[in-house]
Amino acid sequence: MTRQLKIPEVPVEEVDTWPAAKINSTLDRLEKLRRQVNDELIAAGRGHETYSETMEKTDPLAERYQTIALAERALHDEIAHRYGPRAPSRLPRGVRGFGPRRAPGSWE
């Protein structure tokens, strides 16, 4: 069995203050963790489960999957908010305009 990696915390209410690099690196770590959990699901004979089936279960493996999936969703939602329609899976690095959201009126 591979060692369990720690799932990074993604406070949904604070993601809009994260710089693009932090969002991208957190998504990279979450993707690695998701692959690990998928491998564990397959090894446990649960490779046939759909996303919705796994999201309804309450066992520890399903809960790890759910935590990762919800964190990824929050980060992808933030990318879509910053980038707009047809957003890429990661924010462009080193390009102005994709950093933390500004509070209304703070650009004056």
PDB file of N, CA and C in Angstrom:
ATOM      1  N   MET A   1       0.845  -1.183   0.000  1.00  0.00           N
ATOM      2  CA  MET A   1       0.000   0.000   0.000  1.00  0.00           C
ATOM      3  C   MET A   1       0.890   1.246   0.000  1.00  0.00           C
ATOM      4  N   THR A   2       0.547   2.214  -0.812  1.00  0.00           N
ATOM      5  CA  THR A   2       1.311   3.446  -0.857  1.00  0.00           C
ATOM      6  C   THR A   2       0.964   4.310   0.339  1.00  0.00           C
ATOM      7  N   ARG A   3       1.883   5.172   0.685  1.00  0.00           N
ATOM      8  CA  ARG A   3       1.628   6.023   1.852  1.00  0.00           C
ATOM      9  C   ARG A   3       0.590   7.073   1.508  1.00  0.00           C
ATOM     10  N   GLN A   4      -0.267   7.350   2.481  1.00  0.00           N
ATOM     11  CA  GLN A   4      -1.326   8.324   2.255  1.00  0.00           C
ATOM     12  C   GLN A   4      -0.752   9.724   2.351  1.00  0.00           C
ATOM     13  N   LEU A   5      -0.962  10.508   1.327  1.00  0.00           N
ATOM     14  CA  LEU A   5      -0.524  11.888   1.324  1.00  0.00           C
ATOM     15  C   LEU A   5      -1.592  12.748   1.983  1.00  0.00           C
ATOM     16  N   LYS A   6      -1.146  13.832   2.589  1.00  0.00           N
ATOM     17  CA  LYS A   6      -2.070  14.737   3.269  1.00  0.00           C
ATOM     18  C   LYS A   6      -2.837  15.562   2.239  1.00  0.00           C
ATOM     19  N   ILE A   7      -4.129  15.628   2.406  1.00  0.00           N
ATOM     20  CA  ILE A   7      -4.972  16.414   1.506  1.00  0.00           C
ATOM     21  C   ILE A   7      -4.826  17.884   1.893  1.00  0.00           C
ATOM     22  N   PRO A   8      -4.422  18.743   0.949  1.00  0.00           N
ATOM     23  CA  PRO A   8      -4.274  20.163   1.285  1.00  0.00           C
ATOM     24  C   PRO A   8      -5.624  20.796   1.601  1.00  0.00           C
ATOM     25  N   GLU A   9      -5.615  21.701   2.557  1.00  0.00           N
ATOM     26  CA  GLU A   9      -6.859  22.381   2.911  1.00  0.00           C
ATOM     27  C   GLU A   9      -7.171  23.448   1.873  1.00  0.00           C
ATOM     28  N   VAL A  10      -8.412  23.481   1.465  1.00  0.00           N
ATOM     29  CA  VAL A  10      -8.873  24.468   0.500  1.00  0.00           C
ATOM     30  C   VAL A  10     -10.082  25.169   1.122  1.00  0.00           C
ATOM     31  N   PRO A  11      -9.832  26.259   1.873  1.00  0.00           N
ATOM     32  CA  PRO A  11     -10.964  26.984   2.452  1.00  0.00           C
ATOM     33  C   PRO A  11     -11.714  27.732   1.360  1.00  0.00           C
ATOM     34  N   VAL A  12     -12.871  27.215   0.994  1.00  0.00           N
ATOM     35  CA  VAL A  12     -13.633  27.725  -0.148  1.00  0.00           C
ATOM     36  C   VAL A  12     -13.862  29.228  -0.046  1.00  0.00           C
ATOM     37  N   GLU A  13     -14.110  29.725   1.154  1.00  0.00           N
ATOM     38  CA  GLU A  13     -14.406  31.145   1.303  1.00  0.00           C
ATOM     39  C   GLU A  13     -13.173  32.035   1.132  1.00  0.00           C
ATOM     40  N   GLU A  14     -11.961  31.451   1.080  1.00  0.00           N
ATOM     41  CA  GLU A  14     -10.739  32.238   0.946  1.00  0.00           C
ATOM     42  C   GLU A  14     -10.047  32.049  -0.407  1.00  0.00           C
ATOM     43  N   VAL A  15     -10.528  31.158  -1.242  1.00  0.00           N
ATOM     44  CA  VAL A  15      -9.860  30.849  -2.507  1.00  0.00           C
ATOM     45  C   VAL A  15      -9.757  32.078  -3.400  1.00  0.00           C
ATOM     46  N   ASP A  16     -10.716  32.992  -3.289  1.00  0.00           N
ATOM     47  CA  ASP A  16     -10.674  34.184  -4.145  1.00  0.00           C
ATOM     48  C   ASP A  16      -9.516  35.113  -3.806  1.00  0.00           C
ATOM     49  N   THR A  17      -8.847  34.892  -2.685  1.00  0.00           N
ATOM     50  CA  THR A  17      -7.683  35.711  -2.314  1.00  0.00           C
ATOM     51  C   THR A  17      -6.361  35.044  -2.677  1.00  0.00           C
ATOM     52  N   TRP A  18      -6.416  33.830  -3.174  1.00  0.00           N
ATOM     53  CA  TRP A  18      -5.192  33.092  -3.513  1.00  0.00           C
ATOM     54  C   TRP A  18      -4.600  33.588  -4.827  1.00  0.00           C
ATOM     55  N   PRO A  19      -3.272  33.671  -4.896  1.00  0.00           N
ATOM     56  CA  PRO A  19      -2.647  33.973  -6.187  1.00  0.00           C
ATOM     57  C   PRO A  19      -2.769  32.775  -7.131  1.00  0.00           C
ATOM     58  N   ALA A  20      -2.609  33.026  -8.415  1.00  0.00           N
ATOM     59  CA  ALA A  20      -2.748  31.976  -9.426  1.00  0.00           C
ATOM     60  C   ALA A  20      -1.786  30.815  -9.166  1.00  0.00           C
ATOM     61  N   ALA A  21      -0.562  31.118  -8.769  1.00  0.00           N
ATOM     62  CA  ALA A  21       0.429  30.055  -8.546  1.00  0.00           C
ATOM     63  C   ALA A  21      -0.015  29.105  -7.437  1.00  0.00           C
ATOM     64  N   LYS A  22      -0.638  29.631  -6.392  1.00  0.00           N
ATOM     65  CA  LYS A  22      -1.094  28.775  -5.289  1.00  0.00           C
ATOM     66  C   LYS A  22      -2.252  27.889  -5.739  1.00  0.00           C
ATOM     67  N   ILE A  23      -3.155  28.445  -6.530  1.00  0.00           N
ATOM     68  CA  ILE A  23      -4.264  27.644  -7.054  1.00  0.00           C
ATOM     69  C   ILE A  23      -3.716  26.513  -7.916  1.00  0.00           C
ATOM     70  N   ASN A  24      -2.801  26.844  -8.822  1.00  0.00           N
ATOM     71  CA  ASN A  24      -2.235  25.836  -9.720  1.00  0.00           C
ATOM     72  C   ASN A  24      -1.486  24.749  -8.959  1.00  0.00           C
ATOM     73  N   SER A  25      -0.654  25.130  -7.992  1.00  0.00           N
ATOM     74  CA  SER A  25       0.124  24.120  -7.260  1.00  0.00           C
ATOM     75  C   SER A  25      -0.778  23.247  -6.394  1.00  0.00           C
ATOM     76  N   THR A  26      -1.829  23.831  -5.823  1.00  0.00           N
ATOM     77  CA  THR A  26      -2.768  23.043  -5.024  1.00  0.00           C
ATOM     78  C   THR A  26      -3.518  22.059  -5.920  1.00  0.00           C
ATOM     79  N   LEU A  27      -3.909  22.492  -7.110  1.00  0.00           N
ATOM     80  CA  LEU A  27      -4.564  21.590  -8.055  1.00  0.00           C
ATOM     81  C   LEU A  27      -3.627  20.451  -8.463  1.00  0.00           C
ATOM     82  N   ASP A  28      -2.355  20.753  -8.636  1.00  0.00           N
ATOM     83  CA  ASP A  28      -1.380  19.702  -8.978  1.00  0.00           C
ATOM     84  C   ASP A  28      -1.322  18.645  -7.875  1.00  0.00           C
ATOM     85  N   ARG A  29      -1.269  19.098  -6.610  1.00  0.00           N
ATOM     86  CA  ARG A  29      -1.233  18.147  -5.484  1.00  0.00           C
ATOM     87  C   ARG A  29      -2.529  17.361  -5.384  1.00  0.00           C
ATOM     88  N   LEU A  30      -3.662  18.024  -5.570  1.00  0.00           N
ATOM     89  CA  LEU A  30      -4.954  17.337  -5.499  1.00  0.00           C
ATOM     90  C   LEU A  30      -5.099  16.302  -6.614  1.00  0.00           C
ATOM     91  N   GLU A  31      -4.590  16.617  -7.787  1.00  0.00           N
ATOM     92  CA  GLU A  31      -4.660  15.676  -8.894  1.00  0.00           C
ATOM     93  C   GLU A  31      -3.856  14.410  -8.586  1.00  0.00           C
ATOM     94  N   LYS A  32      -2.690  14.588  -7.993  1.00  0.00           N
ATOM     95  CA  LYS A  32      -1.857  13.447  -7.597  1.00  0.00           C
ATOM     96  C   LYS A  32      -2.586  12.598  -6.556  1.00  0.00           C
ATOM     97  N   LEU A  33      -3.221  13.261  -5.591  1.00  0.00           N
ATOM     98  CA  LEU A  33      -3.981  12.551  -4.561  1.00  0.00           C
ATOM     99  C   LEU A  33      -5.183  11.824  -5.150  1.00  0.00           C
ATOM    100  N   ARG A  34      -5.863  12.465  -6.098  1.00  0.00           N
ATOM    101  CA  ARG A  34      -7.030  11.836  -6.725  1.00  0.00           C
ATOM    102  C   ARG A  34      -6.633  10.565  -7.461  1.00  0.00           C
ATOM    103  N   ARG A  35      -5.499  10.614  -8.143  1.00  0.00           N
ATOM    104  CA  ARG A  35      -5.013   9.405  -8.826  1.00  0.00           C
ATOM    105  C   ARG A  35      -4.732   8.296  -7.820  1.00  0.00           C
ATOM    106  N   GLN A  36      -4.149   8.659  -6.678  1.00  0.00           N
ATOM    107  CA  GLN A  36      -3.850   7.678  -5.634  1.00  0.00           C
ATOM    108  C   GLN A  36      -5.145   7.063  -5.084  1.00  0.00           C
ATOM    109  N   VAL A  37      -6.137   7.892  -4.818  1.00  0.00           N
ATOM    110  CA  VAL A  37      -7.409   7.397  -4.293  1.00  0.00           C
ATOM    111  C   VAL A  37      -8.114   6.542  -5.339  1.00  0.00           C
ATOM    112  N   ASN A  38      -8.051   6.945  -6.613  1.00  0.00           N
ATOM    113  CA  ASN A  38      -8.644   6.120  -7.675  1.00  0.00           C
ATOM    114  C   ASN A  38      -7.995   4.745  -7.714  1.00  0.00           C
ATOM    115  N   ASP A  39      -6.669   4.699  -7.574  1.00  0.00           N
ATOM    116  CA  ASP A  39      -5.971   3.409  -7.537  1.00  0.00           C
ATOM    117  C   ASP A  39      -6.440   2.573  -6.352  1.00  0.00           C
ATOM    118  N   GLU A  40      -6.653   3.207  -5.201  1.00  0.00           N
ATOM    119  CA  GLU A  40      -7.139   2.494  -4.017  1.00  0.00           C
ATOM    120  C   GLU A  40      -8.559   1.982  -4.227  1.00  0.00           C
ATOM    121  N   LEU A  41      -9.395   2.779  -4.889  1.00  0.00           N
ATOM    122  CA  LEU A  41     -10.757   2.329  -5.187  1.00  0.00           C
ATOM    123  C   LEU A  41     -10.729   1.111  -6.102  1.00  0.00           C
ATOM    124  N   ILE A  42      -9.868   1.140  -7.103  1.00  0.00           N
ATOM    125  CA  ILE A  42      -9.750   0.001  -8.021  1.00  0.00           C
ATOM    126  C   ILE A  42      -9.246  -1.225  -7.270  1.00  0.00           C
ATOM    127  N   ALA A  43      -8.232  -1.046  -6.416  1.00  0.00           N
ATOM    128  CA  ALA A  43      -7.681  -2.164  -5.643  1.00  0.00           C
ATOM    129  C   ALA A  43      -8.723  -2.749  -4.696  1.00  0.00           C
ATOM    130  N   ALA A  44      -9.647  -1.919  -4.231  1.00  0.00           N
ATOM    131  CA  ALA A  44     -10.702  -2.379  -3.327  1.00  0.00           C
ATOM    132  C   ALA A  44     -11.882  -2.980  -4.093  1.00  0.00           C
ATOM    133  N   GLY A  45     -11.760  -3.102  -5.416  1.00  0.00           N
ATOM    134  CA  GLY A  45     -12.841  -3.670  -6.217  1.00  0.00           C
ATOM    135  C   GLY A  45     -13.972  -2.709  -6.478  1.00  0.00           C
ATOM    136  N   ARG A  46     -13.685  -1.404  -6.370  1.00  0.00           N
ATOM    137  CA  ARG A  46     -14.727  -0.394  -6.540  1.00  0.00           C
ATOM    138  C   ARG A  46     -14.471   0.485  -7.758  1.00  0.00           C
ATOM    139  N   GLY A  47     -13.707  -0.019  -8.706  1.00  0.00           N
ATOM    140  CA  GLY A  47     -13.386   0.749  -9.894  1.00  0.00           C
ATOM    141  C   GLY A  47     -14.577   1.013 -10.791  1.00  0.00           C
ATOM    142  N   HIS A  48     -15.655   0.286 -10.603  1.00  0.00           N
ATOM    143  CA  HIS A  48     -16.864   0.441 -11.424  1.00  0.00           C
ATOM    144  C   HIS A  48     -17.777   1.556 -10.926  1.00  0.00           C
ATOM    145  N   GLU A  49     -17.543   2.057  -9.722  1.00  0.00           N
ATOM    146  CA  GLU A  49     -18.428   3.073  -9.144  1.00  0.00           C
ATOM    147  C   GLU A  49     -18.391   4.362  -9.955  1.00  0.00           C
ATOM    148  N   THR A  50     -19.546   4.966 -10.080  1.00  0.00           N
ATOM    149  CA  THR A  50     -19.610   6.269 -10.733  1.00  0.00           C
ATOM    150  C   THR A  50     -19.296   7.352  -9.704  1.00  0.00           C
ATOM    151  N   TYR A  51     -19.047   8.547 -10.214  1.00  0.00           N
ATOM    152  CA  TYR A  51     -18.773   9.693  -9.351  1.00  0.00           C
ATOM    153  C   TYR A  51     -19.903   9.882  -8.338  1.00  0.00           C
ATOM    154  N   SER A  52     -21.130   9.849  -8.815  1.00  0.00           N
ATOM    155  CA  SER A  52     -22.273  10.092  -7.928  1.00  0.00           C
ATOM    156  C   SER A  52     -22.420   8.995  -6.875  1.00  0.00           C
ATOM    157  N   GLU A  53     -22.109   7.757  -7.226  1.00  0.00           N
ATOM    158  CA  GLU A  53     -22.177   6.675  -6.238  1.00  0.00           C
ATOM    159  C   GLU A  53     -21.142   6.880  -5.135  1.00  0.00           C
ATOM    160  N   THR A  54     -19.922   7.226  -5.531  1.00  0.00           N
ATOM    161  CA  THR A  54     -18.868   7.437  -4.544  1.00  0.00           C
ATOM    162  C   THR A  54     -19.185   8.640  -3.667  1.00  0.00           C
ATOM    163  N   MET A  55     -19.770   9.677  -4.243  1.00  0.00           N
ATOM    164  CA  MET A  55     -20.090  10.881  -3.473  1.00  0.00           C
ATOM    165  C   MET A  55     -21.192  10.642  -2.446  1.00  0.00           C
ATOM    166  N   GLU A  56     -21.968   9.576  -2.589  1.00  0.00           N
ATOM    167  CA  GLU A  56     -23.037   9.268  -1.640  1.00  0.00           C
ATOM    168  C   GLU A  56     -22.573   8.380  -0.490  1.00  0.00           C
ATOM    169  N   LYS A  57     -21.435   7.707  -0.635  1.00  0.00           N
ATOM    170  CA  LYS A  57     -20.985   6.748   0.372  1.00  0.00           C
ATOM    171  C   LYS A  57     -20.323   7.447   1.554  1.00  0.00           C
ATOM    172  N   THR A  58     -20.220   6.715   2.677  1.00  0.00           N
ATOM    173  CA  THR A  58     -19.694   7.317   3.904  1.00  0.00           C
ATOM    174  C   THR A  58     -18.460   6.604   4.459  1.00  0.00           C
ATOM    175  N   ASP A  59     -17.898   5.674   3.713  1.00  0.00           N
ATOM    176  CA  ASP A  59     -16.697   4.986   4.208  1.00  0.00           C
ATOM    177  C   ASP A  59     -15.480   5.913   4.079  1.00  0.00           C
ATOM    178  N   PRO A  60     -14.384   5.635   4.791  1.00  0.00           N
ATOM    179  CA  PRO A  60     -13.213   6.528   4.789  1.00  0.00           C
ATOM    180  C   PRO A  60     -12.627   6.781   3.398  1.00  0.00           C
ATOM    181  N   LEU A  61     -12.568   5.768   2.554  1.00  0.00           N
ATOM    182  CA  LEU A  61     -12.014   5.942   1.211  1.00  0.00           C
ATOM    183  C   LEU A  61     -12.897   6.886   0.382  1.00  0.00           C
ATOM    184  N   ALA A  62     -14.200   6.701   0.473  1.00  0.00           N
ATOM    185  CA  ALA A  62     -15.127   7.580  -0.244  1.00  0.00           C
ATOM    186  C   ALA A  62     -15.043   9.003   0.297  1.00  0.00           C
ATOM    187  N   GLU A  63     -14.879   9.137   1.599  1.00  0.00           N
ATOM    188  CA  GLU A  63     -14.777  10.477   2.187  1.00  0.00           C
ATOM    189  C   GLU A  63     -13.510  11.193   1.735  1.00  0.00           C
ATOM    190  N   ARG A  64     -12.401  10.468   1.587  1.00  0.00           N
ATOM    191  CA  ARG A  64     -11.176  11.071   1.046  1.00  0.00           C
ATOM    192  C   ARG A  64     -11.415  11.530  -0.392  1.00  0.00           C
ATOM    193  N   TYR A  65     -12.057  10.680  -1.173  1.00  0.00           N
ATOM    194  CA  TYR A  65     -12.379  11.025  -2.558  1.00  0.00           C
ATOM    195  C   TYR A  65     -13.254  12.284  -2.603  1.00  0.00           C
ATOM    196  N   GLN A  66     -14.263  12.342  -1.747  1.00  0.00           N
ATOM    197  CA  GLN A  66     -15.174  13.479  -1.713  1.00  0.00           C
ATOM    198  C   GLN A  66     -14.449  14.771  -1.346  1.00  0.00           C
ATOM    199  N   THR A  67     -13.563  14.698  -0.360  1.00  0.00           N
ATOM    200  CA  THR A  67     -12.809  15.879   0.064  1.00  0.00           C
ATOM    201  C   THR A  67     -11.975  16.424  -1.091  1.00  0.00           C
ATOM    202  N   ILE A  68     -11.309  15.526  -1.798  1.00  0.00           N
ATOM    203  CA  ILE A  68     -10.477  15.923  -2.932  1.00  0.00           C
ATOM    204  C   ILE A  68     -11.341  16.492  -4.051  1.00  0.00           C
ATOM    205  N   ALA A  69     -12.427  15.813  -4.373  1.00  0.00           N
ATOM    206  CA  ALA A  69     -13.301  16.255  -5.471  1.00  0.00           C
ATOM    207  C   ALA A  69     -13.897  17.634  -5.190  1.00  0.00           C
ATOM    208  N   LEU A  70     -14.331  17.877  -3.964  1.00  0.00           N
ATOM    209  CA  LEU A  70     -14.924  19.163  -3.624  1.00  0.00           C
ATOM    210  C   LEU A  70     -13.887  20.279  -3.629  1.00  0.00           C
ATOM    211  N   ALA A  71     -12.668  19.977  -3.190  1.00  0.00           N
ATOM    212  CA  ALA A  71     -11.592  20.973  -3.219  1.00  0.00           C
ATOM    213  C   ALA A  71     -11.236  21.317  -4.666  1.00  0.00           C
ATOM    214  N   GLU A  72     -11.123  20.295  -5.510  1.00  0.00           N
ATOM    215  CA  GLU A  72     -10.837  20.542  -6.934  1.00  0.00           C
ATOM    216  C   GLU A  72     -11.948  21.382  -7.566  1.00  0.00           C
ATOM    217  N   ARG A  73     -13.192  21.066  -7.239  1.00  0.00           N
ATOM    218  CA  ARG A  73     -14.321  21.809  -7.796  1.00  0.00           C
ATOM    219  C   ARG A  73     -14.251  23.278  -7.400  1.00  0.00           C
ATOM    220  N   ALA A  74     -13.930  23.562  -6.139  1.00  0.00           N
ATOM    221  CA  ALA A  74     -13.845  24.948  -5.676  1.00  0.00           C
ATOM    222  C   ALA A  74     -12.751  25.708  -6.427  1.00  0.00           C
ATOM    223  N   LEU A  75     -11.617  25.052  -6.658  1.00  0.00           N
ATOM    224  CA  LEU A  75     -10.525  25.716  -7.367  1.00  0.00           C
ATOM    225  C   LEU A  75     -10.853  25.909  -8.843  1.00  0.00           C
ATOM    226  N   HIS A  76     -11.481  24.930  -9.473  1.00  0.00           N
ATOM    227  CA  HIS A  76     -11.868  25.075 -10.877  1.00  0.00           C
ATOM    228  C   HIS A  76     -12.957  26.140 -11.035  1.00  0.00           C
ATOM    229  N   ASP A  77     -13.843  26.247 -10.063  1.00  0.00           N
ATOM    230  CA  ASP A  77     -14.852  27.308 -10.099  1.00  0.00           C
ATOM    231  C   ASP A  77     -14.188  28.682 -10.015  1.00  0.00           C
ATOM    232  N   GLU A  78     -13.159  28.792  -9.174  1.00  0.00           N
ATOM    233  CA  GLU A  78     -12.441  30.063  -9.051  1.00  0.00           C
ATOM    234  C   GLU A  78     -11.710  30.402 -10.348  1.00  0.00           C
ATOM    235  N   ILE A  79     -11.105  29.398 -10.980  1.00  0.00           N
ATOM    236  CA  ILE A  79     -10.439  29.623 -12.269  1.00  0.00           C
ATOM    237  C   ILE A  79     -11.453  30.122 -13.298  1.00  0.00           C
ATOM    238  N   ALA A  80     -12.608  29.485 -13.350  1.00  0.00           N
ATOM    239  CA  ALA A  80     -13.649  29.894 -14.299  1.00  0.00           C
ATOM    240  C   ALA A  80     -14.117  31.317 -14.011  1.00  0.00           C
ATOM    241  N   HIS A  81     -14.195  31.672 -12.745  1.00  0.00           N
ATOM    242  CA  HIS A  81     -14.622  33.021 -12.385  1.00  0.00           C
ATOM    243  C   HIS A  81     -13.596  34.057 -12.851  1.00  0.00           C
ATOM    244  N   ARG A  82     -12.324  33.755 -12.677  1.00  0.00           N
ATOM    245  CA  ARG A  82     -11.273  34.704 -13.059  1.00  0.00           C
ATOM    246  C   ARG A  82     -11.044  34.747 -14.567  1.00  0.00           C
ATOM    247  N   TYR A  83     -11.135  33.604 -15.217  1.00  0.00           N
ATOM    248  CA  TYR A  83     -10.765  33.516 -16.631  1.00  0.00           C
ATOM    249  C   TYR A  83     -11.950  33.762 -17.553  1.00  0.00           C
ATOM    250  N   GLY A  84     -13.100  33.247 -17.159  1.00  0.00           N
ATOM    251  CA  GLY A  84     -14.281  33.394 -17.996  1.00  0.00           C
ATOM    252  C   GLY A  84     -14.594  32.120 -18.760  1.00  0.00           C
ATOM    253  N   PRO A  85     -15.420  32.234 -19.809  1.00  0.00           N
ATOM    254  CA  PRO A  85     -15.810  31.056 -20.583  1.00  0.00           C
ATOM    255  C   PRO A  85     -14.601  30.322 -21.165  1.00  0.00           C
ATOM    256  N   ARG A  86     -14.732  29.027 -21.250  1.00  0.00           N
ATOM    257  CA  ARG A  86     -13.683  28.155 -21.789  1.00  0.00           C
ATOM    258  C   ARG A  86     -12.361  28.291 -21.040  1.00  0.00           C
ATOM    259  N   ALA A  87     -12.448  28.365 -19.726  1.00  0.00           N
ATOM    260  CA  ALA A  87     -11.246  28.499 -18.897  1.00  0.00           C
ATOM    261  C   ALA A  87     -10.386  27.240 -19.005  1.00  0.00           C
ATOM    262  N   PRO A  88      -9.066  27.402 -18.970  1.00  0.00           N
ATOM    263  CA  PRO A  88      -8.176  26.241 -18.981  1.00  0.00           C
ATOM    264  C   PRO A  88      -8.208  25.547 -17.622  1.00  0.00           C
ATOM    265  N   SER A  89      -7.557  24.405 -17.516  1.00  0.00           N
ATOM    266  CA  SER A  89      -7.561  23.679 -16.246  1.00  0.00           C
ATOM    267  C   SER A  89      -6.661  24.345 -15.208  1.00  0.00           C
ATOM    268  N   ARG A  90      -5.720  25.188 -15.660  1.00  0.00           N
ATOM    269  CA  ARG A  90      -4.845  25.942 -14.762  1.00  0.00           C
ATOM    270  C   ARG A  90      -4.815  27.393 -15.229  1.00  0.00           C
ATOM    271  N   LEU A  91      -4.611  28.309 -14.278  1.00  0.00           N
ATOM    272  CA  LEU A  91      -4.494  29.718 -14.633  1.00  0.00           C
ATOM    273  C   LEU A  91      -3.127  29.977 -15.265  1.00  0.00           C
ATOM    274  N   PRO A  92      -3.061  30.890 -16.220  1.00  0.00           N
ATOM    275  CA  PRO A  92      -1.767  31.220 -16.825  1.00  0.00           C
ATOM    276  C   PRO A  92      -0.830  31.799 -15.765  1.00  0.00           C
ATOM    277  N   ARG A  93       0.428  31.373 -15.808  1.00  0.00           N
ATOM    278  CA  ARG A  93       1.421  31.883 -14.847  1.00  0.00           C
ATOM    279  C   ARG A  93       2.094  33.115 -15.437  1.00  0.00           C
ATOM    280  N   GLY A  94       2.335  34.068 -14.572  1.00  0.00           N
ATOM    281  CA  GLY A  94       3.073  35.253 -14.982  1.00  0.00           C
ATOM    282  C   GLY A  94       2.294  36.213 -15.859  1.00  0.00           C
ATOM    283  N   VAL A  95       0.981  36.059 -15.925  1.00  0.00           N
ATOM    284  CA  VAL A  95       0.155  36.952 -16.730  1.00  0.00           C
ATOM    285  C   VAL A  95      -0.674  37.796 -15.784  1.00  0.00           C
ATOM    286  N   ARG A  96      -0.620  39.102 -15.969  1.00  0.00           N
ATOM    287  CA  ARG A  96      -1.389  39.988 -15.092  1.00  0.00           C
ATOM    288  C   ARG A  96      -2.885  39.767 -15.275  1.00  0.00           C
ATOM    289  N   GLY A  97      -3.606  39.964 -14.201  1.00  0.00           N
ATOM    290  CA  GLY A  97      -5.054  39.886 -14.271  1.00  0.00           C
ATOM    291  C   GLY A  97      -5.653  38.588 -13.776  1.00  0.00           C
ATOM    292  N   PHE A  98      -4.825  37.612 -13.411  1.00  0.00           N
ATOM    293  CA  PHE A  98      -5.361  36.347 -12.933  1.00  0.00           C
ATOM    294  C   PHE A  98      -5.032  36.105 -11.461  1.00  0.00           C
ATOM    295  N   GLY A  99      -4.624  37.160 -10.773  1.00  0.00           N
ATOM    296  CA  GLY A  99      -4.306  37.047  -9.358  1.00  0.00           C
ATOM    297  C   GLY A  99      -5.562  37.103  -8.512  1.00  0.00           C
ATOM    298  N   PRO A 100      -5.393  37.332  -7.217  1.00  0.00           N
ATOM    299  CA  PRO A 100      -6.552  37.381  -6.318  1.00  0.00           C
ATOM    300  C   PRO A 100      -7.570  38.421  -6.772  1.00  0.00           C
ATOM    301  N   ARG A 101      -8.826  38.137  -6.483  1.00  0.00           N
ATOM    302  CA  ARG A 101      -9.875  39.100  -6.831  1.00  0.00           C
ATOM    303  C   ARG A 101      -9.726  40.332  -5.950  1.00  0.00           C
ATOM    304  N   ARG A 102     -10.038  41.454  -6.514  1.00  0.00           N
ATOM    305  CA  ARG A 102     -10.016  42.702  -5.739  1.00  0.00           C
ATOM    306  C   ARG A 102     -11.393  42.944  -5.154  1.00  0.00           C
ATOM    307  N   ALA A 103     -11.397  43.551  -3.990  1.00  0.00           N
ATOM    308  CA  ALA A 103     -12.667  43.937  -3.387  1.00  0.00           C
ATOM    309  C   ALA A 103     -13.269  45.068  -4.219  1.00  0.00           C
ATOM    310  N   PRO A 104     -14.595  45.128  -4.322  1.00  0.00           N
ATOM    311  CA  PRO A 104     -15.219  46.202  -5.088  1.00  0.00           C
ATOM    312  C   PRO A 104     -14.730  47.565  -4.608  1.00  0.00           C
ATOM    313  N   GLY A 105     -14.334  48.407  -5.553  1.00  0.00           N
ATOM    314  CA  GLY A 105     -13.876  49.753  -5.223  1.00  0.00           C
ATOM    315  C   GLY A 105     -12.400  49.846  -4.907  1.00  0.00           C
ATOM    316  N   SER A 106     -11.684  48.696  -4.799  1.00  0.00           N
ATOM    317  CA  SER A 106     -10.270  48.750  -4.407  1.00  0.00           C
ATOM    318  C   SER A 106      -9.347  49.120  -5.572  1.00  0.00           C
ATOM    319  N   TRP A 107      -9.863  49.168  -6.803  1.00  0.00           N
ATOM    320  CA  TRP A 107      -9.004  49.496  -7.946  1.00  0.00           C
ATOM    321  C   TRP A 107      -8.951  51.003  -8.209  1.00  0.00           C
ATOM    322  N   GLU A 108      -9.676  51.759  -7.422  1.00  0.00           N
ATOM    323  CA  GLU A 108      -9.688  53.217  -7.610  1.00  0.00           C
ATOM    324  C   GLU A 108      -8.439  53.839  -7.046  1.00  0.00           C
TER     325      GLU A 108
END
